[in-house]
Amino acid sequence: MEPTSDPYVMIEERGEGWVRYRRDDGVRWEVRGVCDRRGDCLIGANIEGFGVIESHDDIERAKQVLGRERIDSELDVPITPAFSNCCPFSFVELE
């Protein structure tokens, strides 16, 4: 099991274009798709060392200020069926 940015969700398994998650209550799901890095999901986030991201321009400024390409976390951010309005993902709930 691999940790994610959510302390209650772990990565059970992953492959090219998919990730299988397990929550601490035993619920499992698989996500297919690849983040296209457009950053819509970061709008409104409070990034340590930068502040609140209010626009895509802020994302670019934060990359420069922080000196890294990925400004949120090096840990995977679990995607759930409630996630919408960003990258094209498909979800399968597993037994």
PDB file of N, CA and C in Angstrom:
ATOM      1  N   MET A   1       0.843  -1.183   0.000  1.00  0.00           N
ATOM      2  CA  MET A   1       0.000   0.000   0.000  1.00  0.00           C
ATOM      3  C   MET A   1       0.891   1.251   0.000  1.00  0.00           C
ATOM      4  N   GLU A   2       0.461   2.230  -0.747  1.00  0.00           N
ATOM      5  CA  GLU A   2       1.221   3.469  -0.899  1.00  0.00           C
ATOM      6  C   GLU A   2       0.387   4.631  -0.354  1.00  0.00           C
ATOM      7  N   PRO A   3       0.969   5.517   0.450  1.00  0.00           N
ATOM      8  CA  PRO A   3       0.188   6.619   1.015  1.00  0.00           C
ATOM      9  C   PRO A   3      -0.225   7.639  -0.044  1.00  0.00           C
ATOM     10  N   THR A   4      -1.297   8.366   0.261  1.00  0.00           N
ATOM     11  CA  THR A   4      -1.750   9.480  -0.572  1.00  0.00           C
ATOM     12  C   THR A   4      -1.814  10.723   0.316  1.00  0.00           C
ATOM     13  N   SER A   5      -2.232  11.834  -0.245  1.00  0.00           N
ATOM     14  CA  SER A   5      -2.360  13.055   0.547  1.00  0.00           C
ATOM     15  C   SER A   5      -3.545  12.981   1.505  1.00  0.00           C
ATOM     16  N   ASP A   6      -4.418  12.004   1.337  1.00  0.00           N
ATOM     17  CA  ASP A   6      -5.548  11.772   2.240  1.00  0.00           C
ATOM     18  C   ASP A   6      -5.150  10.661   3.210  1.00  0.00           C
ATOM     19  N   PRO A   7      -5.081  10.947   4.507  1.00  0.00           N
ATOM     20  CA  PRO A   7      -4.619   9.927   5.452  1.00  0.00           C
ATOM     21  C   PRO A   7      -5.525   8.698   5.545  1.00  0.00           C
ATOM     22  N   TYR A   8      -6.736   8.776   4.991  1.00  0.00           N
ATOM     23  CA  TYR A   8      -7.685   7.661   5.053  1.00  0.00           C
ATOM     24  C   TYR A   8      -7.710   6.826   3.772  1.00  0.00           C
ATOM     25  N   VAL A   9      -6.941   7.234   2.761  1.00  0.00           N
ATOM     26  CA  VAL A   9      -6.960   6.551   1.465  1.00  0.00           C
ATOM     27  C   VAL A   9      -5.537   6.161   1.078  1.00  0.00           C
ATOM     28  N   MET A  10      -5.386   4.915   0.659  1.00  0.00           N
ATOM     29  CA  MET A  10      -4.093   4.395   0.209  1.00  0.00           C
ATOM     30  C   MET A  10      -4.215   3.938  -1.246  1.00  0.00           C
ATOM     31  N   ILE A  11      -3.095   3.909  -1.938  1.00  0.00           N
ATOM     32  CA  ILE A  11      -3.055   3.314  -3.274  1.00  0.00           C
ATOM     33  C   ILE A  11      -2.779   1.831  -3.084  1.00  0.00           C
ATOM     34  N   GLU A  12      -3.696   1.033  -3.593  1.00  0.00           N
ATOM     35  CA  GLU A  12      -3.573  -0.420  -3.500  1.00  0.00           C
ATOM     36  C   GLU A  12      -2.702  -0.952  -4.630  1.00  0.00           C
ATOM     37  N   GLU A  13      -2.918  -0.389  -5.818  1.00  0.00           N
ATOM     38  CA  GLU A  13      -2.189  -0.839  -7.002  1.00  0.00           C
ATOM     39  C   GLU A  13      -2.311   0.246  -8.066  1.00  0.00           C
ATOM     40  N   ARG A  14      -1.333   0.303  -8.968  1.00  0.00           N
ATOM     41  CA  ARG A  14      -1.410   1.272 -10.060  1.00  0.00           C
ATOM     42  C   ARG A  14      -0.744   0.707 -11.291  1.00  0.00           C
ATOM     43  N   GLY A  15      -1.164   1.216 -12.430  1.00  0.00           N
ATOM     44  CA  GLY A  15      -0.566   0.841 -13.704  1.00  0.00           C
ATOM     45  C   GLY A  15      -0.632   2.042 -14.624  1.00  0.00           C
ATOM     46  N   GLU A  16      -0.239   1.877 -15.860  1.00  0.00           N
ATOM     47  CA  GLU A  16      -0.265   2.995 -16.797  1.00  0.00           C
ATOM     48  C   GLU A  16      -1.709   3.401 -17.086  1.00  0.00           C
ATOM     49  N   GLY A  17      -2.072   4.601 -16.680  1.00  0.00           N
ATOM     50  CA  GLY A  17      -3.406   5.128 -16.940  1.00  0.00           C
ATOM     51  C   GLY A  17      -4.466   4.741 -15.930  1.00  0.00           C
ATOM     52  N   TRP A  18      -4.086   4.086 -14.824  1.00  0.00           N
ATOM     53  CA  TRP A  18      -5.092   3.731 -13.818  1.00  0.00           C
ATOM     54  C   TRP A  18      -4.472   3.640 -12.423  1.00  0.00           C
ATOM     55  N   VAL A  19      -5.344   3.869 -11.420  1.00  0.00           N
ATOM     56  CA  VAL A  19      -4.949   3.753 -10.013  1.00  0.00           C
ATOM     57  C   VAL A  19      -6.095   3.094  -9.266  1.00  0.00           C
ATOM     58  N   ARG A  20      -5.781   2.143  -8.388  1.00  0.00           N
ATOM     59  CA  ARG A  20      -6.787   1.488  -7.543  1.00  0.00           C
ATOM     60  C   ARG A  20      -6.565   1.961  -6.107  1.00  0.00           C
ATOM     61  N   TYR A  21      -7.620   2.539  -5.519  1.00  0.00           N
ATOM     62  CA  TYR A  21      -7.554   3.095  -4.168  1.00  0.00           C
ATOM     63  C   TYR A  21      -8.305   2.216  -3.173  1.00  0.00           C
ATOM     64  N   ARG A  22      -7.914   2.304  -1.893  1.00  0.00           N
ATOM     65  CA  ARG A  22      -8.625   1.648  -0.796  1.00  0.00           C
ATOM     66  C   ARG A  22      -8.702   2.643   0.359  1.00  0.00           C
ATOM     67  N   ARG A  23      -9.932   2.889   0.813  1.00  0.00           N
ATOM     68  CA  ARG A  23     -10.148   3.751   1.974  1.00  0.00           C
ATOM     69  C   ARG A  23     -10.058   2.908   3.231  1.00  0.00           C
ATOM     70  N   ASP A  24      -9.786   3.544   4.368  1.00  0.00           N
ATOM     71  CA  ASP A  24      -9.581   2.786   5.609  1.00  0.00           C
ATOM     72  C   ASP A  24     -10.811   2.019   6.073  1.00  0.00           C
ATOM     73  N   ASP A  25     -11.990   2.324   5.529  1.00  0.00           N
ATOM     74  CA  ASP A  25     -13.201   1.564   5.870  1.00  0.00           C
ATOM     75  C   ASP A  25     -13.419   0.379   4.925  1.00  0.00           C
ATOM     76  N   GLY A  26     -12.441   0.135   4.026  1.00  0.00           N
ATOM     77  CA  GLY A  26     -12.510  -1.015   3.129  1.00  0.00           C
ATOM     78  C   GLY A  26     -13.081  -0.720   1.756  1.00  0.00           C
ATOM     79  N   VAL A  27     -13.654   0.458   1.540  1.00  0.00           N
ATOM     80  CA  VAL A  27     -14.197   0.805   0.227  1.00  0.00           C
ATOM     81  C   VAL A  27     -13.047   0.918  -0.764  1.00  0.00           C
ATOM     82  N   ARG A  28     -13.245   0.312  -1.949  1.00  0.00           N
ATOM     83  CA  ARG A  28     -12.211   0.306  -2.981  1.00  0.00           C
ATOM     84  C   ARG A  28     -12.790   0.834  -4.286  1.00  0.00           C
ATOM     85  N   TRP A  29     -11.971   1.539  -5.067  1.00  0.00           N
ATOM     86  CA  TRP A  29     -12.392   1.998  -6.375  1.00  0.00           C
ATOM     87  C   TRP A  29     -11.179   2.144  -7.280  1.00  0.00           C
ATOM     88  N   GLU A  30     -11.469   2.119  -8.572  1.00  0.00           N
ATOM     89  CA  GLU A  30     -10.409   2.254  -9.562  1.00  0.00           C
ATOM     90  C   GLU A  30     -10.709   3.472 -10.417  1.00  0.00           C
ATOM     91  N   VAL A  31      -9.675   4.229 -10.712  1.00  0.00           N
ATOM     92  CA  VAL A  31      -9.795   5.422 -11.549  1.00  0.00           C
ATOM     93  C   VAL A  31      -8.963   5.191 -12.794  1.00  0.00           C
ATOM     94  N   ARG A  32      -9.585   5.433 -13.949  1.00  0.00           N
ATOM     95  CA  ARG A  32      -8.867   5.350 -15.219  1.00  0.00           C
ATOM     96  C   ARG A  32      -8.812   6.738 -15.824  1.00  0.00           C
ATOM     97  N   GLY A  33      -7.663   7.078 -16.342  1.00  0.00           N
ATOM     98  CA  GLY A  33      -7.445   8.395 -16.928  1.00  0.00           C
ATOM     99  C   GLY A  33      -6.139   8.960 -16.414  1.00  0.00           C
ATOM    100  N   VAL A  34      -5.699  10.023 -17.019  1.00  0.00           N
ATOM    101  CA  VAL A  34      -4.438  10.633 -16.657  1.00  0.00           C
ATOM    102  C   VAL A  34      -4.659  12.123 -16.445  1.00  0.00           C
ATOM    103  N   CYS A  35      -4.102  12.633 -15.369  1.00  0.00           N
ATOM    104  CA  CYS A  35      -4.187  14.066 -15.098  1.00  0.00           C
ATOM    105  C   CYS A  35      -3.558  14.818 -16.257  1.00  0.00           C
ATOM    106  N   ASP A  36      -4.277  15.793 -16.807  1.00  0.00           N
ATOM    107  CA  ASP A  36      -3.718  16.555 -17.921  1.00  0.00           C
ATOM    108  C   ASP A  36      -3.035  17.841 -17.450  1.00  0.00           C
ATOM    109  N   ARG A  37      -2.920  17.986 -16.128  1.00  0.00           N
ATOM    110  CA  ARG A  37      -2.151  19.062 -15.499  1.00  0.00           C
ATOM    111  C   ARG A  37      -2.680  20.465 -15.827  1.00  0.00           C
ATOM    112  N   ARG A  38      -4.000  20.581 -16.153  1.00  0.00           N
ATOM    113  CA  ARG A  38      -4.513  21.920 -16.454  1.00  0.00           C
ATOM    114  C   ARG A  38      -4.646  22.765 -15.202  1.00  0.00           C
ATOM    115  N   GLY A  39      -4.771  22.130 -14.032  1.00  0.00           N
ATOM    116  CA  GLY A  39      -4.726  22.864 -12.771  1.00  0.00           C
ATOM    117  C   GLY A  39      -6.030  23.397 -12.240  1.00  0.00           C
ATOM    118  N   ASP A  40      -7.150  23.111 -12.897  1.00  0.00           N
ATOM    119  CA  ASP A  40      -8.435  23.616 -12.401  1.00  0.00           C
ATOM    120  C   ASP A  40      -8.686  23.206 -10.953  1.00  0.00           C
ATOM    121  N   CYS A  41      -8.234  22.025 -10.584  1.00  0.00           N
ATOM    122  CA  CYS A  41      -8.478  21.513  -9.236  1.00  0.00           C
ATOM    123  C   CYS A  41      -7.678  22.268  -8.172  1.00  0.00           C
ATOM    124  N   LEU A  42      -6.682  23.065  -8.585  1.00  0.00           N
ATOM    125  CA  LEU A  42      -5.869  23.810  -7.619  1.00  0.00           C
ATOM    126  C   LEU A  42      -6.426  25.192  -7.300  1.00  0.00           C
ATOM    127  N   ILE A  43      -7.368  25.682  -8.107  1.00  0.00           N
ATOM    128  CA  ILE A  43      -7.942  27.010  -7.860  1.00  0.00           C
ATOM    129  C   ILE A  43      -8.645  26.982  -6.500  1.00  0.00           C
ATOM    130  N   GLY A  44      -8.265  27.896  -5.638  1.00  0.00           N
ATOM    131  CA  GLY A  44      -8.820  27.957  -4.286  1.00  0.00           C
ATOM    132  C   GLY A  44      -7.950  27.277  -3.239  1.00  0.00           C
ATOM    133  N   ALA A  45      -6.936  26.527  -3.687  1.00  0.00           N
ATOM    134  CA  ALA A  45      -6.067  25.829  -2.735  1.00  0.00           C
ATOM    135  C   ALA A  45      -5.124  26.813  -2.057  1.00  0.00           C
ATOM    136  N   ASN A  46      -4.825  26.547  -0.787  1.00  0.00           N
ATOM    137  CA  ASN A  46      -3.847  27.338  -0.045  1.00  0.00           C
ATOM    138  C   ASN A  46      -2.549  26.550  -0.054  1.00  0.00           C
ATOM    139  N   ILE A  47      -1.578  27.027  -0.817  1.00  0.00           N
ATOM    140  CA  ILE A  47      -0.321  26.316  -1.017  1.00  0.00           C
ATOM    141  C   ILE A  47       0.727  26.860  -0.051  1.00  0.00           C
ATOM    142  N   GLU A  48       1.265  25.978   0.774  1.00  0.00           N
ATOM    143  CA  GLU A  48       2.280  26.376   1.744  1.00  0.00           C
ATOM    144  C   GLU A  48       3.473  27.011   1.031  1.00  0.00           C
ATOM    145  N   GLY A  49       3.888  28.166   1.501  1.00  0.00           N
ATOM    146  CA  GLY A  49       5.010  28.871   0.902  1.00  0.00           C
ATOM    147  C   GLY A  49       4.617  29.818  -0.207  1.00  0.00           C
ATOM    148  N   PHE A  50       3.320  29.827  -0.564  1.00  0.00           N
ATOM    149  CA  PHE A  50       2.844  30.723  -1.622  1.00  0.00           C
ATOM    150  C   PHE A  50       1.586  31.466  -1.202  1.00  0.00           C
ATOM    151  N   GLY A  51       0.580  30.742  -0.768  1.00  0.00           N
ATOM    152  CA  GLY A  51      -0.708  31.348  -0.423  1.00  0.00           C
ATOM    153  C   GLY A  51      -1.814  30.750  -1.267  1.00  0.00           C
ATOM    154  N   VAL A  52      -2.910  31.467  -1.383  1.00  0.00           N
ATOM    155  CA  VAL A  52      -4.098  30.962  -2.076  1.00  0.00           C
ATOM    156  C   VAL A  52      -3.934  31.111  -3.588  1.00  0.00           C
ATOM    157  N   ILE A  53      -4.257  30.043  -4.294  1.00  0.00           N
ATOM    158  CA  ILE A  53      -4.248  30.040  -5.759  1.00  0.00           C
ATOM    159  C   ILE A  53      -5.601  30.562  -6.230  1.00  0.00           C
ATOM    160  N   GLU A  54      -5.588  31.683  -6.915  1.00  0.00           N
ATOM    161  CA  GLU A  54      -6.842  32.283  -7.379  1.00  0.00           C
ATOM    162  C   GLU A  54      -7.027  32.191  -8.883  1.00  0.00           C
ATOM    163  N   SER A  55      -5.962  31.825  -9.614  1.00  0.00           N
ATOM    164  CA  SER A  55      -6.054  31.759 -11.076  1.00  0.00           C
ATOM    165  C   SER A  55      -4.945  30.845 -11.608  1.00  0.00           C
ATOM    166  N   HIS A  56      -5.031  30.568 -12.907  1.00  0.00           N
ATOM    167  CA  HIS A  56      -3.974  29.775 -13.544  1.00  0.00           C
ATOM    168  C   HIS A  56      -2.652  30.541 -13.549  1.00  0.00           C
ATOM    169  N   ASP A  57      -2.706  31.861 -13.604  1.00  0.00           N
ATOM    170  CA  ASP A  57      -1.480  32.660 -13.512  1.00  0.00           C
ATOM    171  C   ASP A  57      -0.804  32.457 -12.164  1.00  0.00           C
ATOM    172  N   ASP A  58      -1.619  32.339 -11.095  1.00  0.00           N
ATOM    173  CA  ASP A  58      -1.054  32.065  -9.767  1.00  0.00           C
ATOM    174  C   ASP A  58      -0.326  30.731  -9.735  1.00  0.00           C
ATOM    175  N   ILE A  59      -0.846  29.751 -10.440  1.00  0.00           N
ATOM    176  CA  ILE A  59      -0.188  28.441 -10.489  1.00  0.00           C
ATOM    177  C   ILE A  59       1.214  28.600 -11.077  1.00  0.00           C
ATOM    178  N   GLU A  60       1.314  29.335 -12.165  1.00  0.00           N
ATOM    179  CA  GLU A  60       2.617  29.545 -12.800  1.00  0.00           C
ATOM    180  C   GLU A  60       3.553  30.329 -11.878  1.00  0.00           C
ATOM    181  N   ARG A  61       3.026  31.365 -11.195  1.00  0.00           N
ATOM    182  CA  ARG A  61       3.857  32.124 -10.257  1.00  0.00           C
ATOM    183  C   ARG A  61       4.318  31.242  -9.097  1.00  0.00           C
ATOM    184  N   ALA A  62       3.428  30.388  -8.601  1.00  0.00           N
ATOM    185  CA  ALA A  62       3.776  29.500  -7.486  1.00  0.00           C
ATOM    186  C   ALA A  62       4.885  28.536  -7.891  1.00  0.00           C
ATOM    187  N   LYS A  63       4.842  28.025  -9.119  1.00  0.00           N
ATOM    188  CA  LYS A  63       5.907  27.138  -9.602  1.00  0.00           C
ATOM    189  C   LYS A  63       7.256  27.848  -9.544  1.00  0.00           C
ATOM    190  N   GLN A  64       7.268  29.114  -9.935  1.00  0.00           N
ATOM    191  CA  GLN A  64       8.519  29.882  -9.923  1.00  0.00           C
ATOM    192  C   GLN A  64       8.965  30.168  -8.490  1.00  0.00           C
ATOM    193  N   VAL A  65       8.029  30.600  -7.649  1.00  0.00           N
ATOM    194  CA  VAL A  65       8.355  30.940  -6.258  1.00  0.00           C
ATOM    195  C   VAL A  65       8.866  29.713  -5.506  1.00  0.00           C
ATOM    196  N   LEU A  66       8.196  28.580  -5.695  1.00  0.00           N
ATOM    197  CA  LEU A  66       8.541  27.365  -4.965  1.00  0.00           C
ATOM    198  C   LEU A  66       9.677  26.577  -5.621  1.00  0.00           C
ATOM    199  N   GLY A  67       9.945  26.878  -6.880  1.00  0.00           N
ATOM    200  CA  GLY A  67      11.036  26.203  -7.577  1.00  0.00           C
ATOM    201  C   GLY A  67      10.753  24.749  -7.905  1.00  0.00           C
ATOM    202  N   ARG A  68       9.491  24.440  -8.130  1.00  0.00           N
ATOM    203  CA  ARG A  68       9.152  23.062  -8.508  1.00  0.00           C
ATOM    204  C   ARG A  68       7.921  23.057  -9.408  1.00  0.00           C
ATOM    205  N   GLU A  69       7.805  22.009 -10.204  1.00  0.00           N
ATOM    206  CA  GLU A  69       6.704  21.899 -11.164  1.00  0.00           C
ATOM    207  C   GLU A  69       5.391  21.542 -10.479  1.00  0.00           C
ATOM    208  N   ARG A  70       5.451  20.652  -9.523  1.00  0.00           N
ATOM    209  CA  ARG A  70       4.233  20.224  -8.829  1.00  0.00           C
ATOM    210  C   ARG A  70       4.134  20.990  -7.517  1.00  0.00           C
ATOM    211  N   ILE A  71       3.160  21.888  -7.429  1.00  0.00           N
ATOM    212  CA  ILE A  71       3.100  22.797  -6.281  1.00  0.00           C
ATOM    213  C   ILE A  71       2.246  22.295  -5.129  1.00  0.00           C
ATOM    214  N   ASP A  72       1.401  21.285  -5.368  1.00  0.00           N
ATOM    215  CA  ASP A  72       0.483  20.856  -4.310  1.00  0.00           C
ATOM    216  C   ASP A  72       1.150  19.898  -3.342  1.00  0.00           C
ATOM    217  N   SER A  73       1.550  18.743  -3.804  1.00  0.00           N
ATOM    218  CA  SER A  73       2.124  17.716  -2.951  1.00  0.00           C
ATOM    219  C   SER A  73       2.765  16.674  -3.835  1.00  0.00           C
ATOM    220  N   GLU A  74       3.801  16.074  -3.352  1.00  0.00           N
ATOM    221  CA  GLU A  74       4.408  14.978  -4.106  1.00  0.00           C
ATOM    222  C   GLU A  74       3.587  13.702  -3.950  1.00  0.00           C
ATOM    223  N   LEU A  75       2.680  13.696  -2.976  1.00  0.00           N
ATOM    224  CA  LEU A  75       1.820  12.538  -2.776  1.00  0.00           C
ATOM    225  C   LEU A  75       0.658  12.576  -3.758  1.00  0.00           C
ATOM    226  N   ASP A  76       0.193  11.395  -4.152  1.00  0.00           N
ATOM    227  CA  ASP A  76      -0.985  11.282  -4.994  1.00  0.00           C
ATOM    228  C   ASP A  76      -2.178  11.901  -4.276  1.00  0.00           C
ATOM    229  N   VAL A  77      -3.019  12.611  -5.011  1.00  0.00           N
ATOM    230  CA  VAL A  77      -4.265  13.156  -4.466  1.00  0.00           C
ATOM    231  C   VAL A  77      -5.375  12.221  -4.940  1.00  0.00           C
ATOM    232  N   PRO A  78      -6.027  11.498  -4.021  1.00  0.00           N
ATOM    233  CA  PRO A  78      -7.029  10.516  -4.446  1.00  0.00           C
ATOM    234  C   PRO A  78      -8.201  11.156  -5.183  1.00  0.00           C
ATOM    235  N   ILE A  79      -8.578  10.558  -6.280  1.00  0.00           N
ATOM    236  CA  ILE A  79      -9.713  11.007  -7.079  1.00  0.00           C
ATOM    237  C   ILE A  79     -10.900  10.114  -6.741  1.00  0.00           C
ATOM    238  N   THR A  80     -12.025  10.725  -6.427  1.00  0.00           N
ATOM    239  CA  THR A  80     -13.242   9.978  -6.092  1.00  0.00           C
ATOM    240  C   THR A  80     -14.326  10.285  -7.114  1.00  0.00           C
ATOM    241  N   PRO A  81     -15.425   9.521  -7.123  1.00  0.00           N
ATOM    242  CA  PRO A  81     -16.518   9.809  -8.065  1.00  0.00           C
ATOM    243  C   PRO A  81     -17.109  11.208  -7.896  1.00  0.00           C
ATOM    244  N   ALA A  82     -16.915  11.848  -6.747  1.00  0.00           N
ATOM    245  CA  ALA A  82     -17.427  13.201  -6.529  1.00  0.00           C
ATOM    246  C   ALA A  82     -16.586  14.252  -7.258  1.00  0.00           C
ATOM    247  N   PHE A  83     -15.392  13.882  -7.717  1.00  0.00           N
ATOM    248  CA  PHE A  83     -14.497  14.813  -8.400  1.00  0.00           C
ATOM    249  C   PHE A  83     -15.066  15.149  -9.766  1.00  0.00           C
ATOM    250  N   SER A  84     -15.075  16.444 -10.107  1.00  0.00           N
ATOM    251  CA  SER A  84     -15.619  16.839 -11.409  1.00  0.00           C
ATOM    252  C   SER A  84     -14.956  18.126 -11.886  1.00  0.00           C
ATOM    253  N   ASN A  85     -15.240  18.484 -13.117  1.00  0.00           N
ATOM    254  CA  ASN A  85     -14.819  19.747 -13.715  1.00  0.00           C
ATOM    255  C   ASN A  85     -13.313  19.890 -13.885  1.00  0.00           C
ATOM    256  N   CYS A  86     -12.636  18.810 -14.138  1.00  0.00           N
ATOM    257  CA  CYS A  86     -11.211  18.916 -14.439  1.00  0.00           C
ATOM    258  C   CYS A  86     -10.867  17.812 -15.425  1.00  0.00           C
ATOM    259  N   CYS A  87      -9.882  17.050 -15.153  1.00  0.00           N
ATOM    260  CA  CYS A  87      -9.407  16.025 -16.076  1.00  0.00           C
ATOM    261  C   CYS A  87     -10.474  14.959 -16.345  1.00  0.00           C
ATOM    262  N   PRO A  88     -10.448  14.356 -17.529  1.00  0.00           N
ATOM    263  CA  PRO A  88     -11.428  13.301 -17.853  1.00  0.00           C
ATOM    264  C   PRO A  88     -11.045  11.967 -17.212  1.00  0.00           C
ATOM    265  N   PHE A  89     -11.766  11.598 -16.161  1.00  0.00           N
ATOM    266  CA  PHE A  89     -11.521  10.341 -15.468  1.00  0.00           C
ATOM    267  C   PHE A  89     -12.773   9.474 -15.517  1.00  0.00           C
ATOM    268  N   SER A  90     -12.590   8.162 -15.439  1.00  0.00           N
ATOM    269  CA  SER A  90     -13.722   7.254 -15.255  1.00  0.00           C
ATOM    270  C   SER A  90     -13.494   6.493 -13.941  1.00  0.00           C
ATOM    271  N   PHE A  91     -14.570   6.137 -13.273  1.00  0.00           N
ATOM    272  CA  PHE A  91     -14.519   5.512 -11.965  1.00  0.00           C
ATOM    273  C   PHE A  91     -15.250   4.181 -11.984  1.00  0.00           C
ATOM    274  N   VAL A  92     -14.681   3.198 -11.289  1.00  0.00           N
ATOM    275  CA  VAL A  92     -15.340   1.916 -11.109  1.00  0.00           C
ATOM    276  C   VAL A  92     -15.243   1.582  -9.633  1.00  0.00           C
ATOM    277  N   GLU A  93     -16.400   1.407  -8.974  1.00  0.00           N
ATOM    278  CA  GLU A  93     -16.379   0.978  -7.583  1.00  0.00           C
ATOM    279  C   GLU A  93     -16.134  -0.522  -7.551  1.00  0.00           C
ATOM    280  N   LEU A  94     -15.233  -0.961  -6.707  1.00  0.00           N
ATOM    281  CA  LEU A  94     -14.852  -2.369  -6.645  1.00  0.00           C
ATOM    282  C   LEU A  94     -15.429  -3.012  -5.392  1.00  0.00           C
ATOM    283  N   GLU A  95     -15.574  -4.314  -5.438  1.00  0.00           N
ATOM    284  CA  GLU A  95     -16.095  -5.046  -4.271  1.00  0.00           C
ATOM    285  C   GLU A  95     -14.963  -5.437  -3.353  1.00  0.00           C
TER     286      GLU A  95
END
